[in-house]
Amino acid sequence: MAAAAIDARIKHLQHGKKDDWRPVGEGVCELRFLQTGPGWRVYFHETNLGTVILAIVPKATPDGAVEA
């Protein structure tokens, strides 16, 4: 189920739809997911050429473990 939710959110990004995200610094943003169970963090960066997915990591990963 998590894979389907992540896939759907990435497809929304590809079409310019950013519905729930937050900046985390250095031009990197994080998609936020409202779901039950273990969560995931999806980090992305937007350029003039499009959206670049930087990392998809389990939410249990400490915030400092993924550097911008």
PDB file of N, CA and C in Angstrom:
ATOM      1  N   MET A   1       0.818  -1.194   0.000  1.00  0.00           N
ATOM      2  CA  MET A   1       0.000   0.000   0.000  1.00  0.00           C
ATOM      3  C   MET A   1       0.861   1.257   0.000  1.00  0.00           C
ATOM      4  N   ALA A   2       1.963   1.234   0.733  1.00  0.00           N
ATOM      5  CA  ALA A   2       2.838   2.405   0.765  1.00  0.00           C
ATOM      6  C   ALA A   2       3.425   2.674  -0.611  1.00  0.00           C
ATOM      7  N   ALA A   3       3.809   1.620  -1.325  1.00  0.00           N
ATOM      8  CA  ALA A   3       4.392   1.797  -2.657  1.00  0.00           C
ATOM      9  C   ALA A   3       3.400   2.468  -3.599  1.00  0.00           C
ATOM     10  N   ALA A   4       2.140   2.093  -3.515  1.00  0.00           N
ATOM     11  CA  ALA A   4       1.118   2.699  -4.370  1.00  0.00           C
ATOM     12  C   ALA A   4       0.914   4.172  -4.024  1.00  0.00           C
ATOM     13  N   ALA A   5       0.937   4.497  -2.733  1.00  0.00           N
ATOM     14  CA  ALA A   5       0.771   5.893  -2.308  1.00  0.00           C
ATOM     15  C   ALA A   5       1.950   6.741  -2.769  1.00  0.00           C
ATOM     16  N   ILE A   6       3.159   6.204  -2.640  1.00  0.00           N
ATOM     17  CA  ILE A   6       4.353   6.929  -3.081  1.00  0.00           C
ATOM     18  C   ILE A   6       4.310   7.132  -4.585  1.00  0.00           C
ATOM     19  N   ASP A   7       3.968   6.085  -5.321  1.00  0.00           N
ATOM     20  CA  ASP A   7       3.885   6.172  -6.777  1.00  0.00           C
ATOM     21  C   ASP A   7       2.870   7.223  -7.207  1.00  0.00           C
ATOM     22  N   ALA A   8       1.717   7.238  -6.557  1.00  0.00           N
ATOM     23  CA  ALA A   8       0.683   8.217  -6.899  1.00  0.00           C
ATOM     24  C   ALA A   8       1.155   9.640  -6.639  1.00  0.00           C
ATOM     25  N   ARG A   9       1.840   9.856  -5.516  1.00  0.00           N
ATOM     26  CA  ARG A   9       2.327  11.204  -5.191  1.00  0.00           C
ATOM     27  C   ARG A   9       3.403  11.659  -6.172  1.00  0.00           C
ATOM     28  N   ILE A  10       4.283  10.740  -6.583  1.00  0.00           N
ATOM     29  CA  ILE A  10       5.318  11.096  -7.554  1.00  0.00           C
ATOM     30  C   ILE A  10       4.677  11.440  -8.898  1.00  0.00           C
ATOM     31  N   LYS A  11       3.660  10.712  -9.289  1.00  0.00           N
ATOM     32  CA  LYS A  11       2.953  11.031 -10.533  1.00  0.00           C
ATOM     33  C   LYS A  11       2.300  12.404 -10.448  1.00  0.00           C
ATOM     34  N   HIS A  12       1.747  12.757  -9.274  1.00  0.00           N
ATOM     35  CA  HIS A  12       1.188  14.095  -9.100  1.00  0.00           C
ATOM     36  C   HIS A  12       2.269  15.152  -9.274  1.00  0.00           C
ATOM     37  N   LEU A  13       3.457  14.902  -8.707  1.00  0.00           N
ATOM     38  CA  LEU A  13       4.564  15.846  -8.862  1.00  0.00           C
ATOM     39  C   LEU A  13       4.920  16.035 -10.328  1.00  0.00           C
ATOM     40  N   GLN A  14       4.934  14.949 -11.082  1.00  0.00           N
ATOM     41  CA  GLN A  14       5.270  15.015 -12.503  1.00  0.00           C
ATOM     42  C   GLN A  14       4.292  15.899 -13.266  1.00  0.00           C
ATOM     43  N   HIS A  15       3.078  16.027 -12.756  1.00  0.00           N
ATOM     44  CA  HIS A  15       2.067  16.856 -13.403  1.00  0.00           C
ATOM     45  C   HIS A  15       1.924  18.223 -12.729  1.00  0.00           C
ATOM     46  N   GLY A  16       2.896  18.566 -11.887  1.00  0.00           N
ATOM     47  CA  GLY A  16       2.910  19.878 -11.257  1.00  0.00           C
ATOM     48  C   GLY A  16       1.993  20.034 -10.061  1.00  0.00           C
ATOM     49  N   LYS A  17       1.479  18.936  -9.540  1.00  0.00           N
ATOM     50  CA  LYS A  17       0.562  18.993  -8.394  1.00  0.00           C
ATOM     51  C   LYS A  17       1.322  18.670  -7.113  1.00  0.00           C
ATOM     52  N   LYS A  18       1.567  19.694  -6.308  1.00  0.00           N
ATOM     53  CA  LYS A  18       2.237  19.512  -5.010  1.00  0.00           C
ATOM     54  C   LYS A  18       1.207  19.795  -3.931  1.00  0.00           C
ATOM     55  N   ASP A  19       0.605  18.742  -3.384  1.00  0.00           N
ATOM     56  CA  ASP A  19      -0.488  18.988  -2.458  1.00  0.00           C
ATOM     57  C   ASP A  19      -0.107  18.996  -0.987  1.00  0.00           C
ATOM     58  N   ASP A  20       0.887  18.288  -0.555  1.00  0.00           N
ATOM     59  CA  ASP A  20       1.280  18.326   0.857  1.00  0.00           C
ATOM     60  C   ASP A  20       2.778  18.092   0.945  1.00  0.00           C
ATOM     61  N   TRP A  21       3.515  19.170   1.116  1.00  0.00           N
ATOM     62  CA  TRP A  21       4.968  19.101   1.136  1.00  0.00           C
ATOM     63  C   TRP A  21       5.494  20.201   2.037  1.00  0.00           C
ATOM     64  N   ARG A  22       6.785  20.110   2.352  1.00  0.00           N
ATOM     65  CA  ARG A  22       7.412  21.178   3.141  1.00  0.00           C
ATOM     66  C   ARG A  22       8.865  21.299   2.709  1.00  0.00           C
ATOM     67  N   PRO A  23       9.394  22.521   2.715  1.00  0.00           N
ATOM     68  CA  PRO A  23      10.817  22.700   2.420  1.00  0.00           C
ATOM     69  C   PRO A  23      11.652  22.228   3.606  1.00  0.00           C
ATOM     70  N   VAL A  24      12.773  21.578   3.323  1.00  0.00           N
ATOM     71  CA  VAL A  24      13.656  21.123   4.401  1.00  0.00           C
ATOM     72  C   VAL A  24      15.031  21.779   4.320  1.00  0.00           C
ATOM     73  N   GLY A  25      15.273  22.610   3.302  1.00  0.00           N
ATOM     74  CA  GLY A  25      16.516  23.355   3.197  1.00  0.00           C
ATOM     75  C   GLY A  25      17.302  23.050   1.940  1.00  0.00           C
ATOM     76  N   GLU A  26      18.100  24.018   1.520  1.00  0.00           N
ATOM     77  CA  GLU A  26      18.986  23.883   0.360  1.00  0.00           C
ATOM     78  C   GLU A  26      18.226  23.496  -0.909  1.00  0.00           C
ATOM     79  N   GLY A  27      16.982  23.959  -1.048  1.00  0.00           N
ATOM     80  CA  GLY A  27      16.192  23.658  -2.236  1.00  0.00           C
ATOM     81  C   GLY A  27      15.558  22.281  -2.248  1.00  0.00           C
ATOM     82  N   VAL A  28      15.698  21.548  -1.145  1.00  0.00           N
ATOM     83  CA  VAL A  28      15.130  20.204  -1.034  1.00  0.00           C
ATOM     84  C   VAL A  28      13.789  20.295  -0.310  1.00  0.00           C
ATOM     85  N   CYS A  29      12.806  19.540  -0.806  1.00  0.00           N
ATOM     86  CA  CYS A  29      11.483  19.496  -0.194  1.00  0.00           C
ATOM     87  C   CYS A  29      11.131  18.057   0.149  1.00  0.00           C
ATOM     88  N   GLU A  30      10.212  17.905   1.095  1.00  0.00           N
ATOM     89  CA  GLU A  30       9.763  16.583   1.528  1.00  0.00           C
ATOM     90  C   GLU A  30       8.263  16.460   1.300  1.00  0.00           C
ATOM     91  N   LEU A  31       7.854  15.371   0.657  1.00  0.00           N
ATOM     92  CA  LEU A  31       6.430  15.063   0.557  1.00  0.00           C
ATOM     93  C   LEU A  31       5.975  14.515   1.891  1.00  0.00           C
ATOM     94  N   ARG A  32       4.790  14.912   2.324  1.00  0.00           N
ATOM     95  CA  ARG A  32       4.252  14.393   3.580  1.00  0.00           C
ATOM     96  C   ARG A  32       3.095  13.459   3.266  1.00  0.00           C
ATOM     97  N   PHE A  33       3.016  12.389   4.037  1.00  0.00           N
ATOM     98  CA  PHE A  33       1.977  11.385   3.841  1.00  0.00           C
ATOM     99  C   PHE A  33       1.166  11.247   5.118  1.00  0.00           C
ATOM    100  N   LEU A  34      -0.143  11.233   4.995  1.00  0.00           N
ATOM    101  CA  LEU A  34      -1.024  10.961   6.125  1.00  0.00           C
ATOM    102  C   LEU A  34      -1.515   9.532   5.958  1.00  0.00           C
ATOM    103  N   GLN A  35      -0.940   8.637   6.715  1.00  0.00           N
ATOM    104  CA  GLN A  35      -1.313   7.226   6.619  1.00  0.00           C
ATOM    105  C   GLN A  35      -1.046   6.550   7.946  1.00  0.00           C
ATOM    106  N   THR A  36      -1.536   5.364   8.096  1.00  0.00           N
ATOM    107  CA  THR A  36      -1.275   4.602   9.303  1.00  0.00           C
ATOM    108  C   THR A  36      -0.131   3.643   9.052  1.00  0.00           C
ATOM    109  N   GLY A  37       0.484   3.204  10.115  1.00  0.00           N
ATOM    110  CA  GLY A  37       1.604   2.272   9.979  1.00  0.00           C
ATOM    111  C   GLY A  37       2.899   3.006   9.682  1.00  0.00           C
ATOM    112  N   PRO A  38       3.944   2.241   9.356  1.00  0.00           N
ATOM    113  CA  PRO A  38       5.245   2.850   9.079  1.00  0.00           C
ATOM    114  C   PRO A  38       5.148   3.817   7.903  1.00  0.00           C
ATOM    115  N   GLY A  39       5.741   4.969   8.047  1.00  0.00           N
ATOM    116  CA  GLY A  39       5.679   5.971   6.994  1.00  0.00           C
ATOM    117  C   GLY A  39       6.953   6.045   6.180  1.00  0.00           C
ATOM    118  N   TRP A  40       6.897   6.849   5.143  1.00  0.00           N
ATOM    119  CA  TRP A  40       8.037   7.043   4.252  1.00  0.00           C
ATOM    120  C   TRP A  40       8.252   8.528   4.040  1.00  0.00           C
ATOM    121  N   ARG A  41       9.486   8.884   3.774  1.00  0.00           N
ATOM    122  CA  ARG A  41       9.841  10.256   3.425  1.00  0.00           C
ATOM    123  C   ARG A  41      10.302  10.251   1.972  1.00  0.00           C
ATOM    124  N   VAL A  42       9.757  11.157   1.186  1.00  0.00           N
ATOM    125  CA  VAL A  42      10.170  11.306  -0.207  1.00  0.00           C
ATOM    126  C   VAL A  42      10.726  12.715  -0.350  1.00  0.00           C
ATOM    127  N   TYR A  43      12.002  12.808  -0.700  1.00  0.00           N
ATOM    128  CA  TYR A  43      12.668  14.092  -0.863  1.00  0.00           C
ATOM    129  C   TYR A  43      12.819  14.392  -2.346  1.00  0.00           C
ATOM    130  N   PHE A  44      12.564  15.656  -2.705  1.00  0.00           N
ATOM    131  CA  PHE A  44      12.671  16.039  -4.110  1.00  0.00           C
ATOM    132  C   PHE A  44      13.213  17.454  -4.234  1.00  0.00           C
ATOM    133  N   HIS A  45      13.649  17.770  -5.449  1.00  0.00           N
ATOM    134  CA  HIS A  45      14.162  19.098  -5.781  1.00  0.00           C
ATOM    135  C   HIS A  45      13.595  19.464  -7.142  1.00  0.00           C
ATOM    136  N   GLU A  46      13.173  20.695  -7.295  1.00  0.00           N
ATOM    137  CA  GLU A  46      12.644  21.134  -8.582  1.00  0.00           C
ATOM    138  C   GLU A  46      13.669  21.988  -9.309  1.00  0.00           C
ATOM    139  N   THR A  47      13.830  21.709 -10.589  1.00  0.00           N
ATOM    140  CA  THR A  47      14.717  22.485 -11.444  1.00  0.00           C
ATOM    141  C   THR A  47      13.893  23.039 -12.597  1.00  0.00           C
ATOM    142  N   ASN A  48      14.527  23.817 -13.454  1.00  0.00           N
ATOM    143  CA  ASN A  48      13.800  24.322 -14.619  1.00  0.00           C
ATOM    144  C   ASN A  48      13.506  23.206 -15.620  1.00  0.00           C
ATOM    145  N   LEU A  49      14.136  22.053 -15.460  1.00  0.00           N
ATOM    146  CA  LEU A  49      13.894  20.910 -16.341  1.00  0.00           C
ATOM    147  C   LEU A  49      12.845  19.950 -15.790  1.00  0.00           C
ATOM    148  N   GLY A  50      12.494  20.088 -14.517  1.00  0.00           N
ATOM    149  CA  GLY A  50      11.494  19.210 -13.922  1.00  0.00           C
ATOM    150  C   GLY A  50      11.815  18.883 -12.479  1.00  0.00           C
ATOM    151  N   THR A  51      11.133  17.884 -11.961  1.00  0.00           N
ATOM    152  CA  THR A  51      11.291  17.457 -10.576  1.00  0.00           C
ATOM    153  C   THR A  51      12.246  16.279 -10.501  1.00  0.00           C
ATOM    154  N   VAL A  52      13.189  16.352  -9.563  1.00  0.00           N
ATOM    155  CA  VAL A  52      14.160  15.280  -9.358  1.00  0.00           C
ATOM    156  C   VAL A  52      13.872  14.636  -8.003  1.00  0.00           C
ATOM    157  N   ILE A  53      13.617  13.330  -7.999  1.00  0.00           N
ATOM    158  CA  ILE A  53      13.435  12.592  -6.752  1.00  0.00           C
ATOM    159  C   ILE A  53      14.826  12.289  -6.214  1.00  0.00           C
ATOM    160  N   LEU A  54      15.113  12.752  -5.008  1.00  0.00           N
ATOM    161  CA  LEU A  54      16.445  12.594  -4.430  1.00  0.00           C
ATOM    162  C   LEU A  54      16.569  11.346  -3.572  1.00  0.00           C
ATOM    163  N   ALA A  55      15.531  11.044  -2.801  1.00  0.00           N
ATOM    164  CA  ALA A  55      15.601   9.885  -1.903  1.00  0.00           C
ATOM    165  C   ALA A  55      14.202   9.492  -1.464  1.00  0.00           C
ATOM    166  N   ILE A  56      14.032   8.201  -1.230  1.00  0.00           N
ATOM    167  CA  ILE A  56      12.820   7.656  -0.623  1.00  0.00           C
ATOM    168  C   ILE A  56      13.302   6.783   0.525  1.00  0.00           C
ATOM    169  N   VAL A  57      13.032   7.222   1.757  1.00  0.00           N
ATOM    170  CA  VAL A  57      13.577   6.526   2.927  1.00  0.00           C
ATOM    171  C   VAL A  57      12.473   6.266   3.950  1.00  0.00           C
ATOM    172  N   PRO A  58      12.630   5.226   4.777  1.00  0.00           N
ATOM    173  CA  PRO A  58      11.648   4.981   5.837  1.00  0.00           C
ATOM    174  C   PRO A  58      11.609   6.150   6.812  1.00  0.00           C
ATOM    175  N   LYS A  59      10.440   6.488   7.305  1.00  0.00           N
ATOM    176  CA  LYS A  59      10.297   7.611   8.227  1.00  0.00           C
ATOM    177  C   LYS A  59      11.073   7.388   9.516  1.00  0.00           C
ATOM    178  N   ALA A  60      11.348   6.142   9.863  1.00  0.00           N
ATOM    179  CA  ALA A  60      12.119   5.843  11.071  1.00  0.00           C
ATOM    180  C   ALA A  60      13.563   6.324  10.962  1.00  0.00           C
ATOM    181  N   THR A  61      14.010   6.668   9.746  1.00  0.00           N
ATOM    182  CA  THR A  61      15.360   7.185   9.549  1.00  0.00           C
ATOM    183  C   THR A  61      15.477   8.537  10.248  1.00  0.00           C
ATOM    184  N   PRO A  62      16.514   8.746  11.071  1.00  0.00           N
ATOM    185  CA  PRO A  62      16.672  10.038  11.746  1.00  0.00           C
ATOM    186  C   PRO A  62      16.753  11.186  10.745  1.00  0.00           C
ATOM    187  N   ASP A  63      16.207  12.351  11.122  1.00  0.00           N
ATOM    188  CA  ASP A  63      16.195  13.511  10.233  1.00  0.00           C
ATOM    189  C   ASP A  63      17.578  13.860   9.705  1.00  0.00           C
ATOM    190  N   GLY A  64      18.589  13.773  10.525  1.00  0.00           N
ATOM    191  CA  GLY A  64      19.930  14.150  10.101  1.00  0.00           C
ATOM    192  C   GLY A  64      20.613  13.137   9.204  1.00  0.00           C
ATOM    193  N   ALA A  65      20.010  11.968   9.016  1.00  0.00           N
ATOM    194  CA  ALA A  65      20.652  10.920   8.222  1.00  0.00           C
ATOM    195  C   ALA A  65      20.616  11.216   6.732  1.00  0.00           C
ATOM    196  N   VAL A  66      19.676  12.042   6.297  1.00  0.00           N
ATOM    197  CA  VAL A  66      19.576  12.414   4.889  1.00  0.00           C
ATOM    198  C   VAL A  66      20.007  13.858   4.785  1.00  0.00           C
ATOM    199  N   GLU A  67      21.124  14.087   4.129  1.00  0.00           N
ATOM    200  CA  GLU A  67      21.657  15.440   4.025  1.00  0.00           C
ATOM    201  C   GLU A  67      21.205  16.094   2.738  1.00  0.00           C
ATOM    202  N   ALA A  68      20.899  17.395   2.825  1.00  0.00           N
ATOM    203  CA  ALA A  68      20.481  18.150   1.645  1.00  0.00           C
ATOM    204  C   ALA A  68      21.663  18.429   0.762  1.00  0.00           C
TER     205      ALA A  68
END
